[in-house]
Amino acid sequence: MNLFNAIGIGLKEIWAHKFRSLLTMLGIILGVSSLVSMSALVKGMENGMREGLIAIGGLEKVRIEQEDIPAAQMHLADQAVGITVQDVYALQASAPLIKMVTPEMRIQRATFTRGGSTMNVWNFIGTLPNAIEMNQHVVEHGRMFNDIDNENVHSVCVIGTTVRDELFGSPEKIGREIIPIGEQITVNGQPLTIIGMFQHYESEQDRKYRLVQQQQGHSQEQGGVTRSRGFGGGRGGRGGSGVFRWKNSTVYIPLNTMWLKFKAVTGTNAVPDARLSVLNVKVTDIDKLEPALQQARNVMMYTHKGIEDFEFQTQENWGEDINSRIRNARMSGGIIAAMSLLVGGIGIMNIMLASITERIRELGIRKALGATSVNVFVQIVVESVVIAVLGGVMGLAASYGLVQVLTLVSPTENTPVITVEAMSVAFLFSAAVGVLAGLIPAFKAAQLDPIQALRYE
């Protein structure tokens, strides 16, 4: 008996007992669909987390923050000046492994007003023009302020879309997108002119969902003026994940403007506070992170006169946390799917044993006509594999429907993504289960004595 004949016999057996075969394959169907669906969930979660990591600068970005003076240096506390612009110049001149340095002066919960609209902004930041590259910002309308704006202490700002929505109105409410370039707003009593607005930040899945919602909205409109429905209306709304909400709520102004016009009230004797809130640096190569940090530390220890009143905050913990979560999620999903496939394998083994009992006379006739034990063994194993493979194919089809259901209840930035690798692993796993489940029944069938089999009633 060749392989094709064995497959044909297996298909005939399945067709002869359709309902029983379907129930047998159900375990494989559930196992394969759960494995593919769990993998899709994990892949969606990984995409969302890595997208957020990239959106804030990636692993190459390192934050230098002010830290309490060590106990051994407390006698030097009056000499500590904190992180200042002098550190920026020193790092730019003496740290070749640092390719970019971006200082930040912040005011927490600054009050923004325009007309009768008011909002508190957490991310009101005075910085240098290279902040858009450091923090992966894109100016969609207008321009970013430049070095001339910084040197001349111009009262200009670049805002995020959330600030625009709160002070000028969102596209969903107004019916059109407002671009407030040239408009003036007031921040803590100081006037600022808007010269630029960042693009609206959202995850890739949020963007796709928004486009679908826009298309559906336009197709349902009867008459009226065609208009943009903005970015809202989706499950994630305009906010998206935390990283994108943070970026959409950002307001940048020139560093000197922040220092001289806003920090003066926090200084002493009418002298503005010159300390930076954060100093962001980006290393030339992530593989050289350790020597780059050591180089930066050496430079700053020199500018701080040996006082270590600063610390480095890397994104490594975020990257490791992503890897840890993905690894744990894959392990949990793999265990669940493996248990389902194991149950399916037990079902196949049970039905094959029952099938052998029903076909003892048939098998005895075949052996009496010259079929060897190897022929019978191969035939039973092939029949078992055919059941498992058909169940695997049906499981792959079912996984698409299951993923669609999961998509409806998942956050848009973590939308499940089916991968070819997961489908391949699930299918091969189902075939392997079929082989293993058929070994014991096949061995039992191969050991049948033809004379006793022919006498079996």
Protein backbone atom coordinates (compact mmCIF):
# COMPACT_ATOMS: atom_id res chain seq x y z
CA MET A 1 0.00 0.00 0.00
CA ASN A 2 1.43 3.33 -1.00
CA LEU A 3 1.02 6.60 0.88
CA PHE A 4 -1.73 7.98 -1.38
CA ASN A 5 -3.84 4.87 -0.96
CA ALA A 6 -3.44 5.14 2.82
CA ILE A 7 -4.52 8.79 2.73
CA GLY A 8 -7.51 7.86 0.56
CA ILE A 9 -8.58 5.17 3.00
CA GLY A 10 -8.21 7.60 5.88
CA LEU A 11 -10.45 10.14 4.13
CA LYS A 12 -13.06 7.46 3.41
CA GLU A 13 -13.08 6.46 7.08
CA ILE A 14 -13.57 10.09 8.11
CA TRP A 15 -16.41 10.51 5.61
CA ALA A 16 -18.04 7.27 6.72
CA HIS A 17 -18.17 8.55 10.31
CA LYS A 18 -18.54 12.29 9.75
CA PHE A 19 -20.02 13.34 13.07
CA ARG A 20 -17.71 11.14 15.11
CA SER A 21 -14.69 12.40 13.18
CA LEU A 22 -15.78 16.03 13.69
CA LEU A 23 -16.03 15.52 17.44
CA THR A 24 -12.60 13.88 17.37
CA MET A 25 -11.10 16.80 15.48
CA LEU A 26 -12.68 19.35 17.81
CA GLY A 27 -9.80 19.10 20.28
CA ILE A 28 -7.28 19.76 17.50
CA ILE A 29 -9.40 22.63 16.15
CA LEU A 30 -9.55 24.30 19.55
CA GLY A 31 -5.85 23.69 20.19
CA VAL A 32 -4.70 25.15 16.88
CA SER A 33 -7.07 28.13 17.02
CA SER A 34 -6.09 28.92 20.62
CA LEU A 35 -2.39 28.69 19.79
CA VAL A 36 -2.71 31.02 16.79
CA SER A 37 -4.99 33.43 18.69
CA MET A 38 -2.74 33.59 21.75
CA SER A 39 0.24 34.21 19.49
CA ALA A 40 -1.69 36.99 17.74
CA LEU A 41 -2.56 38.60 21.09
CA VAL A 42 1.06 38.46 22.23
CA LYS A 43 2.30 39.86 18.91
CA GLY A 44 -0.17 42.73 19.14
CA MET A 45 0.90 43.48 22.70
CA GLU A 46 4.57 43.40 21.69
CA ASN A 47 3.95 45.75 18.74
CA GLY A 48 2.12 48.21 20.99
CA MET A 49 4.84 48.27 23.66
CA ARG A 50 7.72 48.53 21.20
CA GLU A 51 5.91 51.26 19.28
CA GLY A 52 5.58 53.22 22.52
CA LEU A 53 9.28 52.70 23.31
CA ILE A 54 10.30 54.00 19.89
CA ALA A 55 7.92 56.96 20.21
CA ILE A 56 9.83 58.34 23.20
CA GLY A 57 13.30 57.99 21.71
CA GLY A 58 14.18 54.29 21.83
CA LEU A 59 16.85 52.49 23.82
CA GLU A 60 19.53 54.98 22.76
CA LYS A 61 17.92 57.74 24.82
CA VAL A 62 19.14 58.28 28.41
CA ARG A 63 17.74 60.73 30.96
CA ILE A 64 20.09 62.48 33.39
CA GLU A 65 18.17 63.66 36.44
CA GLN A 66 19.13 65.46 39.63
CA GLU A 67 19.72 63.14 42.58
CA ASP A 68 20.26 63.63 46.27
CA ILE A 69 23.88 64.14 47.26
CA PRO A 70 25.48 60.97 48.70
CA ALA A 71 25.84 60.91 52.47
CA ALA A 72 29.64 60.94 52.17
CA GLN A 73 29.46 64.29 50.29
CA MET A 74 26.86 66.08 52.43
CA HIS A 75 29.51 68.51 53.64
CA LEU A 76 29.72 69.76 50.02
CA ALA A 77 25.98 70.37 49.68
CA ASP A 78 26.34 74.15 49.50
CA GLN A 79 28.62 73.73 46.45
CA ALA A 80 26.20 71.58 44.46
CA VAL A 81 24.67 73.54 41.60
CA GLY A 82 22.54 70.80 40.06
CA ILE A 83 22.24 70.07 36.36
CA THR A 84 22.76 73.22 34.29
CA VAL A 85 23.42 74.33 30.72
CA GLN A 86 27.15 74.08 31.48
CA ASP A 87 26.69 70.30 31.51
CA VAL A 88 25.20 70.53 28.03
CA TYR A 89 28.23 72.38 26.65
CA ALA A 90 30.65 70.03 28.42
CA LEU A 91 28.97 66.88 27.10
CA GLN A 92 28.83 68.27 23.57
CA ALA A 93 32.54 69.10 23.67
CA SER A 94 34.02 66.18 25.60
CA ALA A 95 31.80 63.11 25.18
CA PRO A 96 32.23 61.73 21.63
CA LEU A 97 30.06 58.68 22.39
CA ILE A 98 27.12 61.03 23.03
CA LYS A 99 25.68 62.16 19.69
CA MET A 100 22.94 64.46 20.97
CA VAL A 101 22.25 66.46 24.14
CA THR A 102 18.86 68.04 24.84
CA PRO A 103 18.21 70.05 28.02
CA GLU A 104 14.72 70.49 29.46
CA MET A 105 13.30 73.06 31.86
CA ARG A 106 9.81 72.16 32.99
CA ILE A 107 6.95 73.82 34.79
CA GLN A 108 4.45 71.33 36.17
CA ARG A 109 0.75 72.01 35.60
CA ALA A 110 1.15 75.32 33.81
CA THR A 111 -2.20 77.06 33.22
CA PHE A 112 -2.96 77.76 29.55
CA THR A 113 -5.78 80.12 28.64
CA ARG A 114 -7.35 81.45 25.48
CA GLY A 115 -10.56 83.38 25.67
CA GLY A 116 -12.82 81.43 27.99
CA SER A 117 -10.93 78.15 27.60
CA THR A 118 -8.45 76.98 30.23
CA MET A 119 -6.37 73.84 30.69
CA ASN A 120 -3.45 72.63 32.78
CA VAL A 121 -0.53 71.20 30.81
CA TRP A 122 1.90 68.79 32.44
CA ASN A 123 4.45 68.83 29.64
CA PHE A 124 5.28 72.53 29.40
CA ILE A 125 8.95 72.36 28.46
CA GLY A 126 11.68 74.83 27.61
CA THR A 127 14.25 73.13 25.38
CA LEU A 128 16.46 73.38 22.29
CA PRO A 129 15.32 72.82 18.69
CA ASN A 130 16.84 69.31 18.61
CA ALA A 131 14.15 68.15 21.07
CA ILE A 132 11.96 67.09 18.15
CA GLU A 133 14.64 64.61 17.06
CA MET A 134 15.41 63.48 20.59
CA ASN A 135 11.75 62.74 21.41
CA GLN A 136 10.64 61.68 17.92
CA HIS A 137 8.33 64.65 17.31
CA VAL A 138 7.09 65.76 13.89
CA VAL A 139 5.92 69.34 13.25
CA GLU A 140 2.95 68.97 10.89
CA HIS A 141 1.91 72.64 10.69
CA GLY A 142 4.10 75.73 10.98
CA ARG A 143 7.67 75.28 12.18
CA MET A 144 9.83 74.41 15.15
CA PHE A 145 11.52 77.34 16.85
CA ASN A 146 15.20 77.75 15.98
CA ASP A 147 18.43 78.95 17.60
CA ILE A 148 17.60 82.58 16.77
CA ASP A 149 14.30 82.29 18.66
CA ASN A 150 16.22 80.87 21.59
CA GLU A 151 18.96 83.52 21.56
CA ASN A 152 16.47 86.40 21.30
CA VAL A 153 14.13 84.93 23.93
CA HIS A 154 11.14 84.98 21.61
CA SER A 155 7.75 84.21 23.15
CA VAL A 156 6.83 81.42 20.77
CA CYS A 157 5.67 77.85 21.26
CA VAL A 158 4.93 74.60 19.46
CA ILE A 159 1.90 72.70 20.75
CA GLY A 160 0.42 69.23 20.60
CA THR A 161 -3.02 68.42 19.23
CA THR A 162 -4.57 67.89 22.68
CA VAL A 163 -3.68 71.48 23.62
CA ARG A 164 -5.25 72.68 20.36
CA ASP A 165 -8.41 70.67 21.05
CA GLU A 166 -8.84 72.07 24.57
CA LEU A 167 -8.18 75.71 23.73
CA PHE A 168 -9.50 76.05 20.17
CA GLY A 169 -11.86 73.11 19.76
CA SER A 170 -11.42 69.59 18.45
CA PRO A 171 -12.26 68.57 14.87
CA GLU A 172 -15.06 66.35 16.19
CA LYS A 173 -16.82 69.29 17.86
CA ILE A 174 -16.08 72.03 15.35
CA GLY A 175 -16.59 69.93 12.22
CA ARG A 176 -13.26 70.93 10.73
CA GLU A 177 -9.62 70.85 11.76
CA ILE A 178 -8.33 74.09 13.28
CA ILE A 179 -4.69 75.01 12.65
CA PRO A 180 -3.94 77.79 15.19
CA ILE A 181 -0.64 78.99 13.70
CA GLY A 182 -0.13 82.66 14.57
CA GLU A 183 -2.70 82.58 17.38
CA GLN A 184 -1.78 83.83 20.84
CA ILE A 185 -2.34 82.01 24.12
CA THR A 186 -1.51 82.94 27.70
CA VAL A 187 0.57 80.76 30.00
CA ASN A 188 0.73 81.71 33.67
CA GLY A 189 0.03 85.30 32.62
CA GLN A 190 2.70 85.35 29.88
CA PRO A 191 1.61 85.61 26.22
CA LEU A 192 2.96 83.07 23.72
CA THR A 193 2.49 82.93 19.97
CA ILE A 194 1.89 79.53 18.39
CA ILE A 195 4.33 79.01 15.52
CA GLY A 196 3.95 75.26 15.09
CA MET A 197 1.77 72.26 15.89
CA PHE A 198 2.90 68.65 16.14
CA GLN A 199 1.15 65.92 14.24
CA HIS A 200 -1.45 63.88 16.08
CA TYR A 201 0.29 60.86 17.61
CA GLU A 202 -1.44 57.51 17.75
CA SER A 203 -0.53 53.87 17.47
CA GLU A 204 -0.58 52.23 14.05
CA GLN A 205 -3.65 50.22 14.99
CA ASP A 206 -5.40 53.38 16.24
CA ARG A 207 -4.67 55.03 12.91
CA LYS A 208 -6.09 52.13 10.90
CA TYR A 209 -9.18 52.00 13.07
CA ARG A 210 -9.71 55.76 12.72
CA LEU A 211 -9.50 55.55 8.93
CA VAL A 212 -12.09 52.78 8.88
CA GLN A 213 -14.39 54.83 11.11
CA GLN A 214 -13.96 57.86 8.84
CA GLN A 215 -14.85 55.81 5.77
CA GLN A 216 -17.92 54.39 7.46
CA GLY A 217 -18.95 57.85 8.63
CA HIS A 218 -18.67 59.33 5.14
CA SER A 219 -20.60 56.45 3.58
CA GLN A 220 -23.46 57.00 6.05
CA GLU A 221 -23.73 60.74 5.51
CA GLN A 222 -26.66 61.71 3.34
CA GLY A 223 -26.13 65.10 1.72
CA GLY A 224 -24.44 67.95 3.55
CA VAL A 225 -20.91 69.17 3.14
CA THR A 226 -18.15 66.54 3.09
CA ARG A 227 -15.93 67.13 6.07
CA SER A 228 -13.19 65.50 8.11
CA ARG A 229 -14.40 63.67 11.21
CA GLY A 230 -11.05 64.16 12.88
CA PHE A 231 -9.23 61.53 14.85
CA GLY A 232 -11.86 60.55 17.40
CA GLY A 233 -14.71 58.11 17.56
CA GLY A 234 -12.56 55.01 17.96
CA ARG A 235 -12.21 52.71 20.90
CA GLY A 236 -8.99 54.36 21.89
CA GLY A 237 -10.38 57.83 21.22
CA ARG A 238 -7.94 60.62 20.63
CA GLY A 239 -5.83 59.54 23.54
CA GLY A 240 -4.42 56.22 22.40
CA SER A 241 -1.85 54.71 24.73
CA GLY A 242 -0.14 56.63 27.52
CA VAL A 243 2.96 57.49 25.49
CA PHE A 244 0.94 59.02 22.67
CA ARG A 245 -1.32 60.93 25.07
CA TRP A 246 1.83 62.32 26.67
CA LYS A 247 3.21 63.46 23.32
CA ASN A 248 -0.08 65.02 22.22
CA SER A 249 -0.15 67.09 25.43
CA THR A 250 3.34 68.55 24.98
CA VAL A 251 4.16 72.25 24.59
CA TYR A 252 7.71 73.30 23.66
CA ILE A 253 9.15 76.80 24.01
CA PRO A 254 12.77 78.03 23.60
CA LEU A 255 15.00 77.20 26.57
CA ASN A 256 15.99 80.81 27.23
CA THR A 257 12.36 81.91 27.09
CA MET A 258 11.49 79.40 29.79
CA TRP A 259 14.51 80.43 31.87
CA LEU A 260 14.11 84.20 31.71
CA LYS A 261 10.33 84.59 31.51
CA PHE A 262 8.96 81.69 33.52
CA LYS A 263 11.73 80.53 35.86
CA ALA A 264 12.35 84.02 37.30
CA VAL A 265 9.51 83.54 39.78
CA THR A 266 11.17 80.40 41.15
CA GLY A 267 14.63 81.92 41.60
CA THR A 268 16.05 83.94 44.47
CA ASN A 269 16.67 87.70 44.53
CA ALA A 270 14.91 87.99 41.16
CA VAL A 271 17.57 85.73 39.58
CA PRO A 272 15.98 82.98 37.43
CA ASP A 273 16.59 79.39 38.52
CA ALA A 274 19.23 78.09 36.08
CA ARG A 275 18.87 74.42 36.96
CA LEU A 276 17.55 72.03 34.34
CA SER A 277 14.74 69.62 35.13
CA VAL A 278 16.12 66.87 32.90
CA LEU A 279 19.06 66.42 30.57
CA ASN A 280 18.37 63.97 27.74
CA VAL A 281 21.26 62.42 25.84
CA LYS A 282 21.35 59.94 22.99
CA VAL A 283 24.28 57.56 22.58
CA THR A 284 25.89 56.90 19.20
CA ASP A 285 25.45 53.12 19.47
CA ILE A 286 23.33 51.07 21.87
CA ASP A 287 26.12 48.46 21.96
CA LYS A 288 28.38 51.15 23.47
CA LEU A 289 25.88 52.23 26.11
CA GLU A 290 28.07 51.39 29.11
CA PRO A 291 31.22 53.22 27.91
CA ALA A 292 29.04 56.15 26.77
CA LEU A 293 27.47 56.46 30.22
CA GLN A 294 30.90 56.22 31.87
CA GLN A 295 32.17 58.93 29.56
CA ALA A 296 29.20 61.17 30.39
CA ARG A 297 29.67 60.52 34.10
CA ASN A 298 33.33 61.51 33.94
CA VAL A 299 32.47 64.76 32.17
CA MET A 300 29.72 65.64 34.63
CA MET A 301 31.82 64.74 37.66
CA TYR A 302 34.32 67.31 36.38
CA THR A 303 31.72 70.06 35.83
CA HIS A 304 30.11 69.27 39.21
CA LYS A 305 33.49 69.45 40.99
CA GLY A 306 33.34 65.81 42.08
CA ILE A 307 29.83 66.04 43.56
CA GLU A 308 27.66 63.21 42.28
CA ASP A 309 24.26 64.90 42.51
CA PHE A 310 22.88 63.29 39.34
CA GLU A 311 21.82 59.88 38.10
CA PHE A 312 21.26 58.14 34.77
CA GLN A 313 17.86 56.73 33.80
CA THR A 314 18.06 54.42 30.78
CA GLN A 315 15.28 52.79 28.78
CA GLU A 316 16.85 49.36 29.33
CA ASN A 317 14.35 48.49 32.05
CA TRP A 318 11.52 49.22 29.63
CA GLY A 319 13.11 47.03 26.95
CA GLU A 320 13.75 44.21 29.44
CA ASP A 321 10.20 44.54 30.76
CA ILE A 322 8.85 44.16 27.23
CA ASN A 323 10.94 41.04 26.65
CA SER A 324 9.92 39.59 30.02
CA ARG A 325 6.21 40.18 29.45
CA ILE A 326 6.31 38.76 25.94
CA ARG A 327 8.24 35.71 27.10
CA ASN A 328 5.81 35.03 29.95
CA ALA A 329 2.77 35.59 27.73
CA ARG A 330 4.12 33.22 25.08
CA MET A 331 4.86 30.58 27.68
CA SER A 332 1.39 30.84 29.20
CA GLY A 333 -0.29 30.76 25.78
CA GLY A 334 1.87 27.84 24.66
CA ILE A 335 0.96 25.81 27.74
CA ILE A 336 -2.76 26.44 27.23
CA ALA A 337 -2.58 25.53 23.55
CA ALA A 338 -0.43 22.46 24.25
CA MET A 339 -3.01 21.19 26.75
CA SER A 340 -5.77 21.65 24.18
CA LEU A 341 -3.76 19.78 21.55
CA LEU A 342 -2.97 17.05 24.07
CA VAL A 343 -6.67 16.57 24.72
CA GLY A 344 -7.20 16.48 20.97
CA GLY A 345 -4.49 13.85 20.63
CA ILE A 346 -6.11 11.70 23.30
CA GLY A 347 -9.38 11.96 21.40
CA ILE A 348 -7.70 10.83 18.17
CA MET A 349 -6.04 7.92 19.94
CA ASN A 350 -9.37 6.88 21.46
CA ILE A 351 -11.22 7.00 18.14
CA MET A 352 -8.45 5.10 16.36
CA LEU A 353 -8.55 2.34 18.97
CA ALA A 354 -12.31 2.15 18.52
CA SER A 355 -11.89 2.10 14.75
CA ILE A 356 -9.43 -0.80 14.96
CA THR A 357 -11.89 -2.78 17.07
CA GLU A 358 -14.59 -2.21 14.44
CA ARG A 359 -12.25 -3.20 11.58
CA ILE A 360 -10.52 -6.28 12.99
CA ARG A 361 -11.94 -8.58 10.31
CA GLU A 362 -11.01 -6.07 7.57
CA LEU A 363 -7.45 -5.85 8.85
CA GLY A 364 -7.29 -9.66 9.14
CA ILE A 365 -8.36 -10.02 5.50
CA ARG A 366 -5.67 -7.57 4.39
CA LYS A 367 -2.96 -9.38 6.29
CA ALA A 368 -4.22 -12.72 4.93
CA LEU A 369 -3.99 -11.32 1.40
CA GLY A 370 -0.34 -10.33 1.91
CA ALA A 371 -0.31 -7.00 3.74
CA THR A 372 2.64 -6.84 6.13
CA SER A 373 2.60 -5.53 9.68
CA VAL A 374 4.47 -2.46 8.43
CA ASN A 375 1.71 -1.80 5.85
CA VAL A 376 -0.97 -1.95 8.54
CA PHE A 377 1.11 0.19 10.91
CA VAL A 378 1.61 2.88 8.26
CA GLN A 379 -2.06 2.83 7.29
CA ILE A 380 -3.28 3.48 10.86
CA VAL A 381 -0.67 6.19 11.47
CA VAL A 382 -1.61 7.91 8.20
CA GLU A 383 -5.30 7.80 9.09
CA SER A 384 -4.50 9.38 12.47
CA VAL A 385 -2.42 12.10 10.79
CA VAL A 386 -5.19 12.80 8.25
CA ILE A 387 -7.65 13.45 11.08
CA ALA A 388 -5.15 15.72 12.85
CA VAL A 389 -4.22 17.62 9.68
CA LEU A 390 -7.85 18.24 8.76
CA GLY A 391 -8.45 19.41 12.30
CA GLY A 392 -5.41 21.67 12.01
CA VAL A 393 -6.68 23.23 8.77
CA MET A 394 -10.10 23.82 10.31
CA GLY A 395 -8.37 25.25 13.41
CA LEU A 396 -6.43 27.75 11.27
CA ALA A 397 -9.69 28.85 9.66
CA ALA A 398 -11.38 29.14 13.06
CA SER A 399 -8.47 31.19 14.39
CA TYR A 400 -9.30 34.03 11.97
CA GLY A 401 -12.80 34.30 13.37
CA LEU A 402 -11.54 34.09 16.95
CA VAL A 403 -8.96 36.83 16.33
CA GLN A 404 -11.69 39.07 14.90
CA VAL A 405 -13.64 38.64 18.13
CA LEU A 406 -10.55 39.37 20.21
CA THR A 407 -9.90 42.48 18.11
CA LEU A 408 -13.23 43.92 19.21
CA VAL A 409 -12.32 43.69 22.90
CA SER A 410 -8.59 44.48 22.75
CA PRO A 411 -7.08 47.97 23.12
CA THR A 412 -6.40 49.33 19.65
CA GLU A 413 -2.67 49.72 20.31
CA ASN A 414 -2.57 45.99 21.19
CA THR A 415 -4.70 44.71 18.31
CA PRO A 416 -3.95 41.00 17.69
CA VAL A 417 -1.74 40.25 14.70
CA ILE A 418 -1.73 36.79 13.09
CA THR A 419 1.72 35.72 11.94
CA VAL A 420 2.77 33.07 9.44
CA GLU A 421 5.19 31.64 11.99
CA ALA A 422 2.43 31.01 14.52
CA MET A 423 0.22 29.36 11.90
CA SER A 424 3.09 27.15 10.73
CA VAL A 425 3.97 26.07 14.27
CA ALA A 426 0.33 25.33 15.11
CA PHE A 427 -0.16 23.27 11.95
CA LEU A 428 3.05 21.28 12.41
CA PHE A 429 2.17 20.71 16.05
CA SER A 430 -1.23 19.30 15.06
CA ALA A 431 0.43 16.94 12.55
CA ALA A 432 2.91 15.81 15.23
CA VAL A 433 0.02 15.15 17.62
CA GLY A 434 -1.60 13.01 14.92
CA VAL A 435 1.57 10.94 14.54
CA LEU A 436 1.97 10.42 18.28
CA ALA A 437 -1.72 9.66 18.80
CA GLY A 438 -1.63 7.02 16.08
CA LEU A 439 1.43 5.09 17.28
CA ILE A 440 -0.26 2.96 19.95
CA PRO A 441 -3.33 2.09 17.81
CA ALA A 442 -1.05 1.38 14.84
CA PHE A 443 1.18 -0.90 16.91
CA LYS A 444 -1.87 -2.75 18.20
CA ALA A 445 -3.25 -3.18 14.67
CA ALA A 446 0.11 -4.34 13.32
CA GLN A 447 0.30 -7.09 15.98
CA LEU A 448 -3.06 -8.64 15.03
CA ASP A 449 -2.95 -12.33 14.16
CA PRO A 450 -4.77 -12.73 10.80
CA ILE A 451 -6.41 -16.06 11.73
CA GLN A 452 -7.81 -14.72 15.01
CA ALA A 453 -8.83 -11.51 13.28
CA LEU A 454 -10.80 -13.48 10.63
CA ARG A 455 -12.60 -15.41 13.37
CA TYR A 456 -13.50 -12.19 15.25
CA GLU A 457 -17.25 -11.50 15.44
